[in-house]
Protein backbone atom coordinates (compact mmCIF):
# COMPACT_ATOMS: atom_id res chain seq x y z
CA UNK A 1 2.97 -4.62 -6.11
CA UNK A 2 0.43 -1.61 -5.57
CA UNK A 3 -1.54 0.52 -3.50
CA UNK A 4 -3.70 -1.48 -1.23
CA UNK A 5 -7.23 0.30 0.19
CA UNK A 6 -7.76 -1.88 3.17
CA UNK A 7 -11.13 -2.24 4.38
CA UNK A 8 -12.64 -0.23 7.63
CA UNK A 9 -13.89 -1.60 11.19
CA UNK A 10 -17.19 -1.62 9.89
CA UNK A 11 -16.56 -3.50 6.39
CA UNK A 12 -17.47 -7.01 5.60
CA UNK A 13 -14.28 -7.63 2.61
CA UNK A 14 -10.87 -6.15 2.32
CA UNK A 15 -9.83 -5.63 -0.59
CA UNK A 16 -5.49 -5.34 -1.56
CA UNK A 17 -3.02 -5.31 -3.96
CA UNK A 18 -2.36 -7.70 -6.59
CA UNK A 19 1.06 -7.41 -7.00
CA UNK A 20 3.61 -7.54 -4.28
CA UNK A 21 6.99 -7.70 -3.04
CA UNK A 22 5.71 -10.89 -1.18
CA UNK A 23 2.66 -13.08 -2.38
CA UNK A 24 1.10 -16.02 -1.28
CA UNK A 25 -2.39 -17.35 -2.38
CA UNK A 26 -3.81 -21.02 -1.68
CA UNK A 27 -7.76 -20.28 -2.00
CA UNK A 28 -9.27 -23.57 -1.11
CA UNK A 29 -12.33 -23.73 -2.87
CA UNK A 30 -14.50 -21.50 -0.87
CA UNK A 31 -16.43 -19.03 -3.44
CA UNK A 32 -13.67 -19.61 -5.75
CA UNK A 33 -14.14 -18.18 -8.52
CA UNK A 34 -12.08 -18.97 -12.07
CA UNK A 35 -9.64 -16.83 -12.05
CA UNK A 36 -8.78 -17.77 -8.06
CA UNK A 37 -8.73 -21.53 -9.09
CA UNK A 38 -6.28 -20.61 -11.82
CA UNK A 39 -3.95 -19.13 -9.48
CA UNK A 40 -4.54 -21.48 -6.40
CA UNK A 41 -0.80 -22.56 -6.53
CA UNK A 42 0.80 -20.77 -4.12
CA UNK A 43 2.88 -17.75 -5.42
CA UNK A 44 5.77 -16.75 -3.64
CA UNK A 45 7.37 -13.12 -5.08
CA UNK A 46 10.12 -11.90 -2.26
CA UNK A 47 11.49 -8.41 -2.08
CA UNK A 48 14.86 -9.80 -3.14
CA UNK A 49 12.87 -11.38 -5.99
CA UNK A 50 10.24 -9.39 -6.66
CA UNK A 51 12.23 -6.15 -6.37
CA UNK A 52 15.74 -6.38 -7.17
CA UNK A 53 16.87 -9.52 -9.24
CA UNK A 54 12.98 -9.92 -11.03
CA UNK A 55 13.73 -13.63 -12.07
CA UNK A 56 12.39 -14.07 -14.95
CA UNK A 57 9.85 -16.95 -14.18
CA UNK A 58 8.50 -15.04 -11.09
CA UNK A 59 8.63 -12.13 -13.16
CA UNK A 60 5.84 -13.56 -15.45
CA UNK A 61 3.68 -14.12 -12.74
CA UNK A 62 3.56 -10.64 -11.11
CA UNK A 63 2.77 -9.28 -14.48
CA UNK A 64 0.23 -11.69 -15.48
CA UNK A 65 -2.06 -10.29 -12.48
CA UNK A 66 -2.35 -7.08 -13.33
CA UNK A 67 -4.52 -7.28 -16.02
CA UNK A 68 -7.06 -8.55 -13.59
CA UNK A 69 -6.24 -6.43 -11.00
CA UNK A 70 -9.25 -3.25 -11.53
CA UNK A 71 -11.62 -5.74 -11.83
CA UNK A 72 -10.46 -7.88 -8.73
CA UNK A 73 -10.12 -4.91 -6.48
CA UNK A 74 -13.69 -4.02 -7.20
CA UNK A 75 -15.29 -7.48 -6.56
CA UNK A 76 -13.32 -7.62 -3.70
CA UNK A 77 -14.90 -4.52 -2.00
CA UNK A 78 -19.16 -4.67 -0.77
CA UNK A 79 -21.50 -3.33 -3.76
CA UNK A 80 -21.76 -0.22 -0.49
CA UNK A 81 -17.99 0.73 -0.72
CA UNK A 82 -15.97 2.37 -3.22
CA UNK A 83 -12.42 1.36 -3.70
CA UNK A 84 -12.00 5.22 -4.88
CA UNK A 85 -13.08 6.38 -0.54
CA UNK A 86 -10.10 4.48 0.60
CA UNK A 87 -7.52 5.44 -1.86
CA UNK A 88 -8.56 9.50 -1.57
CA UNK A 89 -8.76 8.91 2.33
CA UNK A 90 -5.28 7.98 2.64
CA UNK A 91 -4.05 11.29 0.39
CA UNK A 92 -6.26 13.55 2.12
CA UNK A 93 -4.64 12.46 5.61
CA UNK A 94 -1.28 12.98 4.23
CA UNK A 95 -2.19 16.60 2.93
CA UNK A 96 -2.80 17.00 6.59
CA UNK A 97 0.30 15.93 7.78
CA UNK A 98 2.03 17.73 5.50
CA UNK A 99 -0.01 21.30 5.44
CA UNK A 100 2.67 24.32 5.52
CA UNK A 101 5.64 21.72 4.38
CA UNK A 102 7.13 22.05 0.84
CA UNK A 103 6.49 19.22 -1.08
CA UNK A 104 8.32 19.37 -4.39
CA UNK A 105 8.76 15.51 -5.14
CA UNK A 106 6.50 12.68 -4.29
CA UNK A 107 6.91 8.98 -4.72
CA UNK A 108 3.97 5.91 -4.57
CA UNK A 109 6.05 3.43 -3.33
CA UNK A 110 4.23 0.14 -4.64
CA UNK A 111 1.80 1.81 -6.80
CA UNK A 112 0.51 -0.93 -8.65
CA UNK A 113 -1.53 0.23 -11.83
CA UNK A 114 -1.90 3.73 -9.81
CA UNK A 115 -5.11 3.67 -7.68
CA UNK A 116 -3.94 6.56 -5.43
CA UNK A 117 -1.79 8.67 -8.58
CA UNK A 118 -5.29 10.79 -9.05
CA UNK A 119 -5.73 11.84 -5.87
CA UNK A 120 -1.32 12.30 -5.56
CA UNK A 121 -2.07 14.78 -8.74
CA UNK A 122 -4.62 16.58 -7.24
CA UNK A 123 -3.68 17.19 -3.75
CA UNK A 124 -0.18 18.07 -4.46
CA UNK A 125 -0.50 19.95 -7.77
CA UNK A 126 3.08 21.73 -7.61
CA UNK A 127 4.31 18.25 -7.05
CA UNK A 128 6.31 15.86 -9.14
CA UNK A 129 4.42 12.57 -8.72
CA UNK A 130 6.22 9.34 -9.13
CA UNK A 131 5.68 5.51 -8.94
CA UNK A 132 7.78 2.63 -8.38
CA UNK A 133 6.02 -0.66 -8.35
CA UNK A 134 8.11 -4.01 -9.69
CA UNK A 135 5.54 -5.10 -11.88
CA UNK A 136 6.21 -3.83 -15.18
CA UNK A 137 2.65 -4.45 -16.90
CA UNK A 138 0.92 -2.83 -13.55
CA UNK A 139 3.29 0.29 -14.09
CA UNK A 140 2.40 -0.08 -18.05
CA UNK A 141 -1.10 0.55 -17.26
CA UNK A 142 -0.23 3.36 -14.85
CA UNK A 143 1.50 5.66 -17.39
CA UNK A 144 -1.29 4.67 -19.76
CA UNK A 145 -3.57 5.78 -17.36
CA UNK A 146 -1.87 9.14 -15.52
CA UNK A 147 0.59 10.57 -18.51
CA UNK A 148 0.98 13.47 -15.67
CA UNK A 149 3.27 11.44 -13.39
CA UNK A 150 6.51 9.53 -13.76
CA UNK A 151 6.36 5.67 -12.96
CA UNK A 152 9.81 2.74 -12.87
CA UNK A 153 9.73 -0.85 -12.60
CA UNK A 154 13.49 -0.65 -11.41
CA UNK A 155 13.38 1.14 -8.03
CA UNK A 156 17.59 1.76 -9.07
CA UNK A 157 15.62 4.35 -11.39
CA UNK A 158 15.23 6.81 -8.60
CA UNK A 159 17.69 9.25 -7.33
CA UNK A 160 18.88 8.83 -3.71
CA UNK A 161 18.17 11.57 -1.64
CA UNK A 162 15.19 12.61 -3.98
CA UNK A 163 12.22 12.62 -2.51
CA UNK A 164 10.19 14.45 -0.32
CA UNK A 165 7.58 12.37 0.59
CA UNK A 166 7.55 8.55 0.21
CA UNK A 167 4.04 6.53 0.66
CA UNK A 168 4.43 3.49 1.14
CA UNK A 169 0.21 1.76 1.34
CA UNK A 170 -0.15 -1.42 2.35
CA UNK A 171 3.19 -3.09 1.59
CA UNK A 172 5.08 -3.91 4.71
CA UNK A 173 2.53 -7.27 5.69
CA UNK A 174 3.03 -8.73 1.87
CA UNK A 175 6.99 -8.66 2.48
CA UNK A 176 8.75 -11.17 4.62
CA UNK A 177 9.37 -10.28 7.86
CA UNK A 178 13.29 -11.03 7.12
CA UNK A 179 13.11 -8.28 4.49
CA UNK A 180 11.11 -5.70 5.45
CA UNK A 181 13.97 -4.01 7.30
CA UNK A 182 15.23 -4.18 3.64
CA UNK A 183 12.25 -2.21 1.92
CA UNK A 184 12.75 0.61 4.92
CA UNK A 185 15.99 0.62 4.22
CA UNK A 186 15.42 1.55 0.76
CA UNK A 187 12.54 4.04 1.11
CA UNK A 188 15.08 5.70 3.70
CA UNK A 189 17.47 6.74 1.16
CA UNK A 190 15.31 7.85 -1.61
CA UNK A 191 14.19 10.37 1.21
CA UNK A 192 15.52 13.86 0.71
CA UNK A 193 17.11 15.34 3.68
CA UNK A 194 13.85 16.67 5.01
CA UNK A 195 11.67 14.01 3.62
CA UNK A 196 9.47 12.05 5.34
CA UNK A 197 8.19 8.06 4.79
CA UNK A 198 4.29 7.60 4.88
CA UNK A 199 3.18 4.09 5.93
CA UNK A 200 0.12 2.32 6.10
CA UNK A 201 -0.73 -0.82 7.51
CA UNK A 202 -3.72 -3.12 8.56
CA UNK A 203 -4.32 -3.32 12.26
CA UNK A 204 -3.98 -6.79 12.86
CA UNK A 205 -5.79 -5.70 16.74
CA UNK A 206 -9.29 -5.19 14.98
CA UNK A 207 -10.96 -8.91 14.90
CA UNK A 208 -12.94 -7.97 11.36
CA UNK A 209 -9.76 -6.92 9.62
CA UNK A 210 -8.30 -9.98 11.21
CA UNK A 211 -11.40 -12.07 9.95
CA UNK A 212 -11.08 -10.60 6.52
CA UNK A 213 -8.10 -10.37 6.06
CA UNK A 214 -8.23 -14.42 6.22
CA UNK A 215 -10.57 -14.49 3.62
CA UNK A 216 -9.29 -12.48 0.89
CA UNK A 217 -8.10 -13.89 -1.91
CA UNK A 218 -4.84 -11.22 -2.67
CA UNK A 219 -3.74 -11.69 1.29
CA UNK A 220 -3.15 -15.25 1.33
CA UNK A 221 -0.08 -16.04 3.33
CA UNK A 222 0.74 -12.36 4.01
CA UNK A 223 1.27 -11.60 7.27
CA UNK A 224 0.02 -8.22 9.54
CA UNK A 225 2.64 -6.37 11.67
CA UNK A 226 1.39 -4.51 14.47
CA UNK A 227 2.39 -0.59 14.76
CA UNK A 228 4.72 -1.35 17.30
CA UNK A 229 6.84 -3.32 15.01
CA UNK A 230 6.47 -0.60 11.99
CA UNK A 231 8.30 1.47 14.78
CA UNK A 232 10.88 -0.82 15.87
CA UNK A 233 11.95 -1.19 11.92
CA UNK A 234 11.95 2.75 11.76
CA UNK A 235 14.32 2.53 14.47
CA UNK A 236 16.33 -0.02 13.42
CA UNK A 237 16.71 1.96 10.40
CA UNK A 238 17.88 5.23 12.05
CA UNK A 239 14.13 7.01 11.32
CA UNK A 240 12.41 9.17 13.89
CA UNK A 241 8.84 8.30 14.00
CA UNK A 242 6.82 11.72 13.77
CA UNK A 243 3.13 10.67 14.20
CA UNK A 244 1.18 7.46 14.25
CA UNK A 245 -2.99 7.14 14.18
CA UNK A 246 -4.96 4.31 13.98
CA UNK A 247 -7.28 5.13 10.81
CA UNK A 248 -9.85 4.24 8.54
CA UNK A 249 -12.92 4.11 11.62
CA UNK A 250 -15.52 4.52 9.30
CA UNK A 251 -17.17 3.13 5.79
CA UNK A 252 -18.32 5.38 2.80
CA UNK A 253 -21.69 5.35 4.28
CA UNK A 254 -20.61 7.10 7.22
CA UNK A 255 -18.38 9.09 5.96
CA UNK A 256 -19.46 11.77 7.22
CA UNK A 257 -18.06 10.53 10.77
CA UNK A 258 -14.44 11.00 9.09
CA UNK A 259 -13.82 14.15 11.19
CA UNK A 260 -13.99 12.16 14.75
CA UNK A 261 -11.39 10.09 13.67
CA UNK A 262 -8.90 12.47 15.13
CA UNK A 263 -10.27 12.07 18.55
CA UNK A 264 -9.94 8.08 18.06
CA UNK A 265 -6.30 8.32 16.57
CA UNK A 266 -4.93 6.27 19.58
CA UNK A 267 -7.97 3.94 19.83
CA UNK A 268 -6.77 0.73 18.66
CA UNK A 269 -9.61 -0.29 16.99
CA UNK A 270 -9.30 1.53 13.47
CA UNK A 271 -9.07 -1.14 10.81
CA UNK A 272 -5.74 0.44 9.33
CA UNK A 273 -2.80 2.64 10.96
CA UNK A 274 -0.47 5.38 10.22
CA UNK A 275 2.75 5.66 10.81
CA UNK A 276 4.95 8.18 9.85
CA UNK A 277 8.93 8.60 9.79
CA UNK A 278 11.76 11.52 9.05
CA UNK A 279 15.27 10.82 8.83
């Protein structure tokens, strides 16, 4: 599972993470690459298998995609867009939301190969930054790239009630609906008493997001969820929703307009949305 950097409201394609809790791929011959042909058979990695038990056969498939992660993610973006923009965007929003709060420990839950890690390290210099991903191959790449952070492929290695901030960027839409509450519960158990869970997801209300989501090979078989479902999952887990907003209204070419996004935060047309939860 990895960090998904998504499309904005004006983009033509949406990049997504390679490794996920639940993943189906079925790409019927439209602009099919050699890599896509090799993985055309459906693959399912449920949260129970990918996060906890890691069955050997499924885990081998899960790790197999790590080597192609960076190249494929870049290829999923239009030439005019930058994957870096979408990774940094989320972390900048987190920094704004945590102004005045002490963040000593921070976990990127579903870090993939660590796309968000350099921004977390830069914008949270006082924090100890951790990453979790059930793919050992992704974790291996992340460790090699970012030695200042600490990575694990087994969530049980983390101490409960220990993180001031947990980031889950575009994770839940790759988790089967019946397992989503388990993921929220896992994140909740990792939070410190005053900790926050910051969750980003694709906005299914946005028609362009839906279009590119359905066309993207990495999202085959995934299921987007509306903001109201995330809020319901939070309530069911005993978490309170502190803040929510629609985000990613502007692509990199219009990044100068990002200052307008707070005024648009309640307009359900952003390509993604953000929900912040607390114990």
